[in-house]
Amino acid sequence: MLYVRSLAFNFVFYVNLIVQMILWTPYYFLSSRHRAWFVPKFWSRTSMWLYDKIAGTTNDITGQENLPEGSFILAPKHQSFWDAIAFFPYLQDPLYILKRELTWIPFFGWYILKMRMIPVDRGSRSKALKAVVAATKEEMARNPRQLIIYPEGTRRAPGDEPAYKYGIVEIYTQLGVPVVPVAHVAGLYWPRRKFLRYPGTVKARFLPPIPPGLGKDEFMARLIGETEAACDQLLVEASRAPNPPALPPTAIKRLRELGTKA
């Protein structure tokens, strides 16, 4: 049943994306940008509903009281495609940094351009970082926006050694806004590079914001320490669930390091 339900969810998930993208096109492009946000947020909510009904996986996202008013940086763990779509319904006007090639995809690229996301050219990281900071400052000067950054860059398995990139430190320093870390272990239920979708409850938590103005080393230490501690707690909780998901080797190794029996 796991294979059948996973296959069914993956099929319906992409059908839902394509159908909604086509059906909502007139409303989306004729509406103001702020009104048009209803469409991707509605798609996210329906995707999570399908995830629950077909794959048997519910979401438990807490800590919304920690989201500041106005502009800030949201810094989630990156383990799965789940964390790319689950959080933006909680944000007023989210802002993503993405590869410019994505804007060339019919419909999908047009949707991205409508929301004034920040496309980045491949090449020099230093030049890309300067372009990102400049574009983000411009967007936040227009309206309060919430920049979503994955501090580790690429998806990593649950329990894997943290590999935070220095780019978020520079962006934090330059923008002067709070950073809200986000802890979760969604990769246990929606694994990277696999089509299996394990049943259970994906728990995620918006952590207390890290205020602007800290030194670079202090900020990085707080970001890593607070995020990883919360992720460890969620990993232990998931391993002790009545019907835990299949644990990857990285998660088993981390649980042993924490003194928890996998």
C-alpha atoms as a PDB file:
ATOM      1  CA  MET A   1       0.000   0.000   0.000  1.00  0.00           C
ATOM      2  CA  LEU A   2       2.909   2.357   0.650  1.00  0.00           C
ATOM      3  CA  TYR A   3       3.995   2.119  -2.986  1.00  0.00           C
ATOM      4  CA  VAL A   4       0.435   2.462  -4.303  1.00  0.00           C
ATOM      5  CA  ARG A   5      -0.381   5.472  -2.146  1.00  0.00           C
ATOM      6  CA  SER A   6       2.954   7.124  -2.908  1.00  0.00           C
ATOM      7  CA  LEU A   7       2.495   6.644  -6.643  1.00  0.00           C
ATOM      8  CA  ALA A   8      -1.081   7.918  -6.482  1.00  0.00           C
ATOM      9  CA  PHE A   9      -0.090  11.005  -4.512  1.00  0.00           C
ATOM     10  CA  ASN A  10       2.782  11.908  -6.830  1.00  0.00           C
ATOM     11  CA  PHE A  11       0.516  11.637  -9.855  1.00  0.00           C
ATOM     12  CA  VAL A  12      -2.295  13.689  -8.307  1.00  0.00           C
ATOM     13  CA  PHE A  13       0.174  16.237  -6.912  1.00  0.00           C
ATOM     14  CA  TYR A  14       1.487  17.180 -10.362  1.00  0.00           C
ATOM     15  CA  VAL A  15      -1.942  17.014 -11.978  1.00  0.00           C
ATOM     16  CA  ASN A  16      -3.180  19.412  -9.317  1.00  0.00           C
ATOM     17  CA  LEU A  17      -0.283  21.770 -10.063  1.00  0.00           C
ATOM     18  CA  ILE A  18      -0.855  21.781 -13.831  1.00  0.00           C
ATOM     19  CA  VAL A  19      -4.647  22.054 -13.652  1.00  0.00           C
ATOM     20  CA  GLN A  20      -4.629  24.896 -11.134  1.00  0.00           C
ATOM     21  CA  MET A  21      -1.928  26.761 -13.017  1.00  0.00           C
ATOM     22  CA  ILE A  22      -4.092  26.692 -16.148  1.00  0.00           C
ATOM     23  CA  LEU A  23      -7.489  27.320 -14.540  1.00  0.00           C
ATOM     24  CA  TRP A  24      -6.318  30.209 -12.363  1.00  0.00           C
ATOM     25  CA  THR A  25      -4.406  31.962 -15.165  1.00  0.00           C
ATOM     26  CA  PRO A  26      -7.046  34.654 -15.973  1.00  0.00           C
ATOM     27  CA  TYR A  27      -7.596  35.562 -12.308  1.00  0.00           C
ATOM     28  CA  TYR A  28      -3.895  35.411 -11.476  1.00  0.00           C
ATOM     29  CA  PHE A  29      -2.628  37.694 -14.211  1.00  0.00           C
ATOM     30  CA  LEU A  30      -5.550  40.144 -14.128  1.00  0.00           C
ATOM     31  CA  SER A  31      -5.318  40.608 -10.346  1.00  0.00           C
ATOM     32  CA  SER A  32      -2.919  42.787  -8.425  1.00  0.00           C
ATOM     33  CA  ARG A  33       0.160  40.974  -7.183  1.00  0.00           C
ATOM     34  CA  HIS A  34      -1.076  40.931  -3.595  1.00  0.00           C
ATOM     35  CA  ARG A  35      -4.476  39.508  -4.556  1.00  0.00           C
ATOM     36  CA  ALA A  36      -2.837  36.999  -6.890  1.00  0.00           C
ATOM     37  CA  TRP A  37      -0.959  35.453  -3.954  1.00  0.00           C
ATOM     38  CA  PHE A  38      -4.225  33.651  -3.208  1.00  0.00           C
ATOM     39  CA  VAL A  39      -3.521  31.244  -6.073  1.00  0.00           C
ATOM     40  CA  PRO A  40      -0.124  29.760  -5.043  1.00  0.00           C
ATOM     41  CA  LYS A  41      -1.180  29.728  -1.400  1.00  0.00           C
ATOM     42  CA  PHE A  42      -4.391  27.902  -2.313  1.00  0.00           C
ATOM     43  CA  TRP A  43      -2.347  25.418  -4.365  1.00  0.00           C
ATOM     44  CA  SER A  44      -0.058  24.817  -1.383  1.00  0.00           C
ATOM     45  CA  ARG A  45      -3.004  24.174   0.927  1.00  0.00           C
ATOM     46  CA  THR A  46      -4.700  21.806  -1.523  1.00  0.00           C
ATOM     47  CA  SER A  47      -1.400  19.969  -2.037  1.00  0.00           C
ATOM     48  CA  MET A  48      -1.054  19.455   1.703  1.00  0.00           C
ATOM     49  CA  TRP A  49      -4.696  18.310   1.858  1.00  0.00           C
ATOM     50  CA  LEU A  50      -4.019  15.735  -0.873  1.00  0.00           C
ATOM     51  CA  TYR A  51      -0.865  14.685   0.971  1.00  0.00           C
ATOM     52  CA  ASP A  52      -3.009  13.942   4.015  1.00  0.00           C
ATOM     53  CA  LYS A  53      -5.872  12.202   2.225  1.00  0.00           C
ATOM     54  CA  ILE A  54      -3.823  10.098  -0.193  1.00  0.00           C
ATOM     55  CA  ALA A  55      -0.455   9.498   1.490  1.00  0.00           C
ATOM     56  CA  GLY A  56      -1.825   9.629   5.033  1.00  0.00           C
ATOM     57  CA  THR A  57       0.605  12.351   6.121  1.00  0.00           C
ATOM     58  CA  THR A  58      -0.622  15.303   8.158  1.00  0.00           C
ATOM     59  CA  ASN A  59       1.199  18.549   8.939  1.00  0.00           C
ATOM     60  CA  ASP A  60       1.729  20.081  12.361  1.00  0.00           C
ATOM     61  CA  ILE A  61       3.354  23.499  11.886  1.00  0.00           C
ATOM     62  CA  THR A  62       3.697  25.508  15.075  1.00  0.00           C
ATOM     63  CA  GLY A  63       5.335  28.732  16.255  1.00  0.00           C
ATOM     64  CA  GLN A  64       3.422  31.185  14.064  1.00  0.00           C
ATOM     65  CA  GLU A  65       3.562  33.619  16.974  1.00  0.00           C
ATOM     66  CA  ASN A  66       7.313  33.898  16.288  1.00  0.00           C
ATOM     67  CA  LEU A  67       6.802  35.406  12.832  1.00  0.00           C
ATOM     68  CA  PRO A  68       7.529  39.157  13.073  1.00  0.00           C
ATOM     69  CA  GLU A  69       5.530  41.871  11.362  1.00  0.00           C
ATOM     70  CA  GLY A  70       7.033  43.376   8.225  1.00  0.00           C
ATOM     71  CA  SER A  71      10.209  42.231   6.515  1.00  0.00           C
ATOM     72  CA  PHE A  72      12.317  39.338   7.773  1.00  0.00           C
ATOM     73  CA  ILE A  73      14.304  36.327   6.577  1.00  0.00           C
ATOM     74  CA  LEU A  74      12.835  32.849   6.928  1.00  0.00           C
ATOM     75  CA  ALA A  75      15.598  30.227   7.206  1.00  0.00           C
ATOM     76  CA  PRO A  76      14.205  26.670   7.028  1.00  0.00           C
ATOM     77  CA  LYS A  77      16.063  23.394   7.010  1.00  0.00           C
ATOM     78  CA  HIS A  78      16.090  21.998   3.483  1.00  0.00           C
ATOM     79  CA  GLN A  79      15.372  18.272   3.320  1.00  0.00           C
ATOM     80  CA  SER A  80      12.556  17.855   0.846  1.00  0.00           C
ATOM     81  CA  PHE A  81      10.312  19.458  -1.736  1.00  0.00           C
ATOM     82  CA  TRP A  82       7.832  19.676   1.136  1.00  0.00           C
ATOM     83  CA  ASP A  83       9.696  22.590   2.747  1.00  0.00           C
ATOM     84  CA  ALA A  84       9.614  24.469  -0.567  1.00  0.00           C
ATOM     85  CA  ILE A  85       5.813  24.713  -0.558  1.00  0.00           C
ATOM     86  CA  ALA A  86       4.613  24.262   3.030  1.00  0.00           C
ATOM     87  CA  PHE A  87       5.630  27.583   4.571  1.00  0.00           C
ATOM     88  CA  PHE A  88       4.687  30.398   2.201  1.00  0.00           C
ATOM     89  CA  PRO A  89       0.939  30.300   3.071  1.00  0.00           C
ATOM     90  CA  TYR A  90       2.007  31.586   6.503  1.00  0.00           C
ATOM     91  CA  LEU A  91       3.819  34.600   5.032  1.00  0.00           C
ATOM     92  CA  GLN A  92       2.299  37.852   3.832  1.00  0.00           C
ATOM     93  CA  ASP A  93       4.479  38.418   0.759  1.00  0.00           C
ATOM     94  CA  PRO A  94       7.206  35.752   0.454  1.00  0.00           C
ATOM     95  CA  LEU A  95      10.260  36.263  -1.702  1.00  0.00           C
ATOM     96  CA  TYR A  96      12.344  33.457  -3.215  1.00  0.00           C
ATOM     97  CA  ILE A  97      15.801  33.410  -4.780  1.00  0.00           C
ATOM     98  CA  LEU A  98      15.857  31.018  -7.734  1.00  0.00           C
ATOM     99  CA  LYS A  99      17.724  30.070 -10.888  1.00  0.00           C
ATOM    100  CA  ARG A 100      16.944  32.323 -13.833  1.00  0.00           C
ATOM    101  CA  GLU A 101      16.317  29.273 -16.024  1.00  0.00           C
ATOM    102  CA  LEU A 102      13.123  28.580 -14.060  1.00  0.00           C
ATOM    103  CA  THR A 103      11.605  31.804 -15.384  1.00  0.00           C
ATOM    104  CA  TRP A 104      11.866  30.410 -18.915  1.00  0.00           C
ATOM    105  CA  ILE A 105       9.394  27.573 -18.233  1.00  0.00           C
ATOM    106  CA  PRO A 106       5.960  28.317 -19.786  1.00  0.00           C
ATOM    107  CA  PHE A 107       3.274  29.179 -17.226  1.00  0.00           C
ATOM    108  CA  PHE A 108       5.512  28.347 -14.244  1.00  0.00           C
ATOM    109  CA  GLY A 109       8.042  30.994 -15.211  1.00  0.00           C
ATOM    110  CA  TRP A 110       5.301  33.526 -15.871  1.00  0.00           C
ATOM    111  CA  TYR A 111       3.861  32.868 -12.414  1.00  0.00           C
ATOM    112  CA  ILE A 112       7.294  33.482 -10.897  1.00  0.00           C
ATOM    113  CA  LEU A 113       7.816  36.755 -12.739  1.00  0.00           C
ATOM    114  CA  LYS A 114       4.391  38.003 -11.615  1.00  0.00           C
ATOM    115  CA  MET A 115       5.474  37.694  -7.972  1.00  0.00           C
ATOM    116  CA  ARG A 116       8.752  39.568  -8.520  1.00  0.00           C
ATOM    117  CA  MET A 117      10.988  36.759  -7.303  1.00  0.00           C
ATOM    118  CA  ILE A 118      14.756  37.173  -7.575  1.00  0.00           C
ATOM    119  CA  PRO A 119      16.271  35.218 -10.474  1.00  0.00           C
ATOM    120  CA  VAL A 120      20.000  34.597 -10.261  1.00  0.00           C
ATOM    121  CA  ASP A 121      22.391  33.820 -13.113  1.00  0.00           C
ATOM    122  CA  ARG A 122      24.805  30.958 -12.718  1.00  0.00           C
ATOM    123  CA  GLY A 123      28.389  32.065 -12.367  1.00  0.00           C
ATOM    124  CA  SER A 124      30.401  33.897  -9.763  1.00  0.00           C
ATOM    125  CA  ARG A 125      28.966  33.409  -6.277  1.00  0.00           C
ATOM    126  CA  SER A 126      30.213  36.795  -5.106  1.00  0.00           C
ATOM    127  CA  LYS A 127      28.509  38.575  -8.014  1.00  0.00           C
ATOM    128  CA  ALA A 128      25.329  36.561  -7.460  1.00  0.00           C
ATOM    129  CA  LEU A 129      25.315  37.411  -3.755  1.00  0.00           C
ATOM    130  CA  LYS A 130      25.698  41.139  -4.461  1.00  0.00           C
ATOM    131  CA  ALA A 131      22.858  40.966  -6.995  1.00  0.00           C
ATOM    132  CA  VAL A 132      20.633  39.112  -4.501  1.00  0.00           C
ATOM    133  CA  VAL A 133      21.265  41.656  -1.727  1.00  0.00           C
ATOM    134  CA  ALA A 134      20.626  44.604  -4.030  1.00  0.00           C
ATOM    135  CA  ALA A 135      17.416  43.112  -5.453  1.00  0.00           C
ATOM    136  CA  THR A 136      16.141  42.131  -1.993  1.00  0.00           C
ATOM    137  CA  LYS A 137      16.780  45.605  -0.608  1.00  0.00           C
ATOM    138  CA  GLU A 138      14.829  47.064  -3.504  1.00  0.00           C
ATOM    139  CA  GLU A 139      11.900  44.713  -2.935  1.00  0.00           C
ATOM    140  CA  MET A 140      11.802  45.322   0.816  1.00  0.00           C
ATOM    141  CA  ALA A 141      11.930  49.077   0.202  1.00  0.00           C
ATOM    142  CA  ARG A 142       8.770  48.798  -1.905  1.00  0.00           C
ATOM    143  CA  ASN A 143       6.779  46.552   0.470  1.00  0.00           C
ATOM    144  CA  PRO A 144       7.429  44.448   3.565  1.00  0.00           C
ATOM    145  CA  ARG A 145       8.538  41.065   2.212  1.00  0.00           C
ATOM    146  CA  GLN A 146       9.753  37.826   3.739  1.00  0.00           C
ATOM    147  CA  LEU A 147      12.861  36.392   2.095  1.00  0.00           C
ATOM    148  CA  ILE A 148      13.013  32.582   2.199  1.00  0.00           C
ATOM    149  CA  ILE A 149      16.588  31.275   2.297  1.00  0.00           C
ATOM    150  CA  TYR A 150      17.768  27.719   2.853  1.00  0.00           C
ATOM    151  CA  PRO A 151      21.010  28.206   4.812  1.00  0.00           C
ATOM    152  CA  GLU A 152      22.442  24.865   3.706  1.00  0.00           C
ATOM    153  CA  GLY A 153      21.672  25.507   0.055  1.00  0.00           C
ATOM    154  CA  THR A 154      20.901  21.973  -1.091  1.00  0.00           C
ATOM    155  CA  ARG A 155      18.649  19.313   0.399  1.00  0.00           C
ATOM    156  CA  ARG A 156      20.231  17.168   3.092  1.00  0.00           C
ATOM    157  CA  ALA A 157      19.006  13.965   4.701  1.00  0.00           C
ATOM    158  CA  PRO A 158      17.461  14.078   8.195  1.00  0.00           C
ATOM    159  CA  GLY A 159      20.125  13.780  10.866  1.00  0.00           C
ATOM    160  CA  ASP A 160      22.945  14.551   8.454  1.00  0.00           C
ATOM    161  CA  GLU A 161      25.851  16.724   9.548  1.00  0.00           C
ATOM    162  CA  PRO A 162      24.877  20.421   9.198  1.00  0.00           C
ATOM    163  CA  ALA A 163      26.518  22.248   6.303  1.00  0.00           C
ATOM    164  CA  TYR A 164      25.465  25.887   6.572  1.00  0.00           C
ATOM    165  CA  LYS A 165      26.716  28.251   3.870  1.00  0.00           C
ATOM    166  CA  TYR A 166      28.186  31.643   4.691  1.00  0.00           C
ATOM    167  CA  GLY A 167      25.913  33.435   2.232  1.00  0.00           C
ATOM    168  CA  ILE A 168      23.099  33.835   4.743  1.00  0.00           C
ATOM    169  CA  VAL A 169      25.492  35.630   7.108  1.00  0.00           C
ATOM    170  CA  GLU A 170      26.248  38.253   4.475  1.00  0.00           C
ATOM    171  CA  ILE A 171      22.575  38.664   3.584  1.00  0.00           C
ATOM    172  CA  TYR A 172      21.627  38.976   7.264  1.00  0.00           C
ATOM    173  CA  THR A 173      24.332  41.596   7.803  1.00  0.00           C
ATOM    174  CA  GLN A 174      23.420  43.603   4.718  1.00  0.00           C
ATOM    175  CA  LEU A 175      19.621  43.568   5.117  1.00  0.00           C
ATOM    176  CA  GLY A 176      19.439  44.316   8.844  1.00  0.00           C
ATOM    177  CA  VAL A 177      16.205  42.354   9.449  1.00  0.00           C
ATOM    178  CA  PRO A 178      15.366  39.487  11.848  1.00  0.00           C
ATOM    179  CA  VAL A 179      15.949  35.870  10.857  1.00  0.00           C
ATOM    180  CA  VAL A 180      13.390  33.197  11.767  1.00  0.00           C
ATOM    181  CA  PRO A 181      14.916  29.694  11.782  1.00  0.00           C
ATOM    182  CA  VAL A 182      12.580  26.823  10.902  1.00  0.00           C
ATOM    183  CA  ALA A 183      13.132  23.305  12.228  1.00  0.00           C
ATOM    184  CA  HIS A 184      11.548  20.177  10.766  1.00  0.00           C
ATOM    185  CA  VAL A 185      12.295  16.612   9.722  1.00  0.00           C
ATOM    186  CA  ALA A 186      10.074  16.465   6.627  1.00  0.00           C
ATOM    187  CA  GLY A 187      12.718  14.407   4.852  1.00  0.00           C
ATOM    188  CA  LEU A 188      11.614  11.406   6.926  1.00  0.00           C
ATOM    189  CA  TYR A 189       8.188  11.494   5.277  1.00  0.00           C
ATOM    190  CA  TRP A 190       8.864  13.107   1.893  1.00  0.00           C
ATOM    191  CA  PRO A 191      12.430  11.920   1.201  1.00  0.00           C
ATOM    192  CA  ARG A 192      14.672  13.611  -1.315  1.00  0.00           C
ATOM    193  CA  ARG A 193      15.308  11.727  -4.582  1.00  0.00           C
ATOM    194  CA  LYS A 194      12.627   9.120  -3.781  1.00  0.00           C
ATOM    195  CA  PHE A 195       9.001   8.800  -4.766  1.00  0.00           C
ATOM    196  CA  LEU A 196       7.925   7.162  -1.493  1.00  0.00           C
ATOM    197  CA  ARG A 197       5.693   9.221   0.811  1.00  0.00           C
ATOM    198  CA  TYR A 198       5.564   7.799   4.328  1.00  0.00           C
ATOM    199  CA  PRO A 199       2.437   8.248   6.475  1.00  0.00           C
ATOM    200  CA  GLY A 200       2.616  10.061   9.781  1.00  0.00           C
ATOM    201  CA  THR A 201       2.793  13.646  11.003  1.00  0.00           C
ATOM    202  CA  VAL A 202       5.330  16.126   9.654  1.00  0.00           C
ATOM    203  CA  LYS A 203       6.176  18.445  12.526  1.00  0.00           C
ATOM    204  CA  ALA A 204       7.726  21.831  11.819  1.00  0.00           C
ATOM    205  CA  ARG A 205       8.397  24.780  14.099  1.00  0.00           C
ATOM    206  CA  PHE A 206       9.012  28.480  13.476  1.00  0.00           C
ATOM    207  CA  LEU A 207      11.632  29.316  16.095  1.00  0.00           C
ATOM    208  CA  PRO A 208      12.010  32.677  17.907  1.00  0.00           C
ATOM    209  CA  PRO A 209      13.533  35.290  15.591  1.00  0.00           C
ATOM    210  CA  ILE A 210      17.212  36.131  15.784  1.00  0.00           C
ATOM    211  CA  PRO A 211      17.388  39.934  16.008  1.00  0.00           C
ATOM    212  CA  PRO A 212      19.388  42.039  13.542  1.00  0.00           C
ATOM    213  CA  GLY A 213      22.689  43.606  14.495  1.00  0.00           C
ATOM    214  CA  LEU A 214      24.570  40.606  15.876  1.00  0.00           C
ATOM    215  CA  GLY A 215      28.164  39.907  14.930  1.00  0.00           C
ATOM    216  CA  LYS A 216      28.662  37.450  12.095  1.00  0.00           C
ATOM    217  CA  ASP A 217      30.074  34.658  14.231  1.00  0.00           C
ATOM    218  CA  GLU A 218      27.458  35.094  16.942  1.00  0.00           C
ATOM    219  CA  PHE A 219      24.644  35.057  14.395  1.00  0.00           C
ATOM    220  CA  MET A 220      25.929  31.913  12.688  1.00  0.00           C
ATOM    221  CA  ALA A 221      26.405  30.132  15.999  1.00  0.00           C
ATOM    222  CA  ARG A 222      22.855  30.965  17.076  1.00  0.00           C
ATOM    223  CA  LEU A 223      21.338  29.990  13.747  1.00  0.00           C
ATOM    224  CA  ILE A 224      23.051  26.607  13.675  1.00  0.00           C
ATOM    225  CA  GLY A 225      22.699  25.865  17.378  1.00  0.00           C
ATOM    226  CA  GLU A 226      19.015  26.740  17.698  1.00  0.00           C
ATOM    227  CA  THR A 227      17.967  25.129  14.425  1.00  0.00           C
ATOM    228  CA  GLU A 228      19.848  21.892  14.959  1.00  0.00           C
ATOM    229  CA  ALA A 229      18.724  21.526  18.586  1.00  0.00           C
ATOM    230  CA  ALA A 230      15.081  21.852  17.535  1.00  0.00           C
ATOM    231  CA  CYS A 231      15.588  19.437  14.633  1.00  0.00           C
ATOM    232  CA  ASP A 232      17.133  16.895  16.990  1.00  0.00           C
ATOM    233  CA  GLN A 233      14.095  17.156  19.245  1.00  0.00           C
ATOM    234  CA  LEU A 234      11.712  16.646  16.322  1.00  0.00           C
ATOM    235  CA  LEU A 235      13.786  13.695  15.090  1.00  0.00           C
ATOM    236  CA  VAL A 236      13.552  12.003  18.477  1.00  0.00           C
ATOM    237  CA  GLU A 237       9.789  12.617  18.575  1.00  0.00           C
ATOM    238  CA  ALA A 238       9.357  11.150  15.089  1.00  0.00           C
ATOM    239  CA  SER A 239      11.388   8.052  16.010  1.00  0.00           C
ATOM    240  CA  ARG A 240       9.145   7.469  19.032  1.00  0.00           C
ATOM    241  CA  ALA A 241       5.883   7.863  17.123  1.00  0.00           C
ATOM    242  CA  PRO A 242       3.504   4.862  17.183  1.00  0.00           C
ATOM    243  CA  ASN A 243       4.127   4.263  13.473  1.00  0.00           C
ATOM    244  CA  PRO A 244       7.503   5.866  12.707  1.00  0.00           C
ATOM    245  CA  PRO A 245       8.704   6.298   9.115  1.00  0.00           C
ATOM    246  CA  ALA A 246      11.660   4.386   7.725  1.00  0.00           C
ATOM    247  CA  LEU A 247      14.750   6.081   9.142  1.00  0.00           C
ATOM    248  CA  PRO A 248      17.681   6.772   6.804  1.00  0.00           C
ATOM    249  CA  PRO A 249      21.182   5.872   8.034  1.00  0.00           C
ATOM    250  CA  THR A 250      21.921   9.534   8.818  1.00  0.00           C
ATOM    251  CA  ALA A 251      18.925   9.698  11.168  1.00  0.00           C
ATOM    252  CA  ILE A 252      19.836   6.426  12.895  1.00  0.00           C
ATOM    253  CA  LYS A 253      23.413   7.633  13.382  1.00  0.00           C
ATOM    254  CA  ARG A 254      22.217  10.951  14.829  1.00  0.00           C
ATOM    255  CA  LEU A 255      19.798   9.246  17.216  1.00  0.00           C
ATOM    256  CA  ARG A 256      22.637   7.094  18.518  1.00  0.00           C
ATOM    257  CA  GLU A 257      24.744  10.199  19.044  1.00  0.00           C
ATOM    258  CA  LEU A 258      21.864  11.662  21.039  1.00  0.00           C
ATOM    259  CA  GLY A 259      21.641   8.500  23.114  1.00  0.00           C
ATOM    260  CA  THR A 260      18.253   7.571  21.695  1.00  0.00           C
ATOM    261  CA  LYS A 261      17.442   4.050  20.547  1.00  0.00           C
ATOM    262  CA  ALA A 262      16.345   4.032  16.876  1.00  0.00           C
END
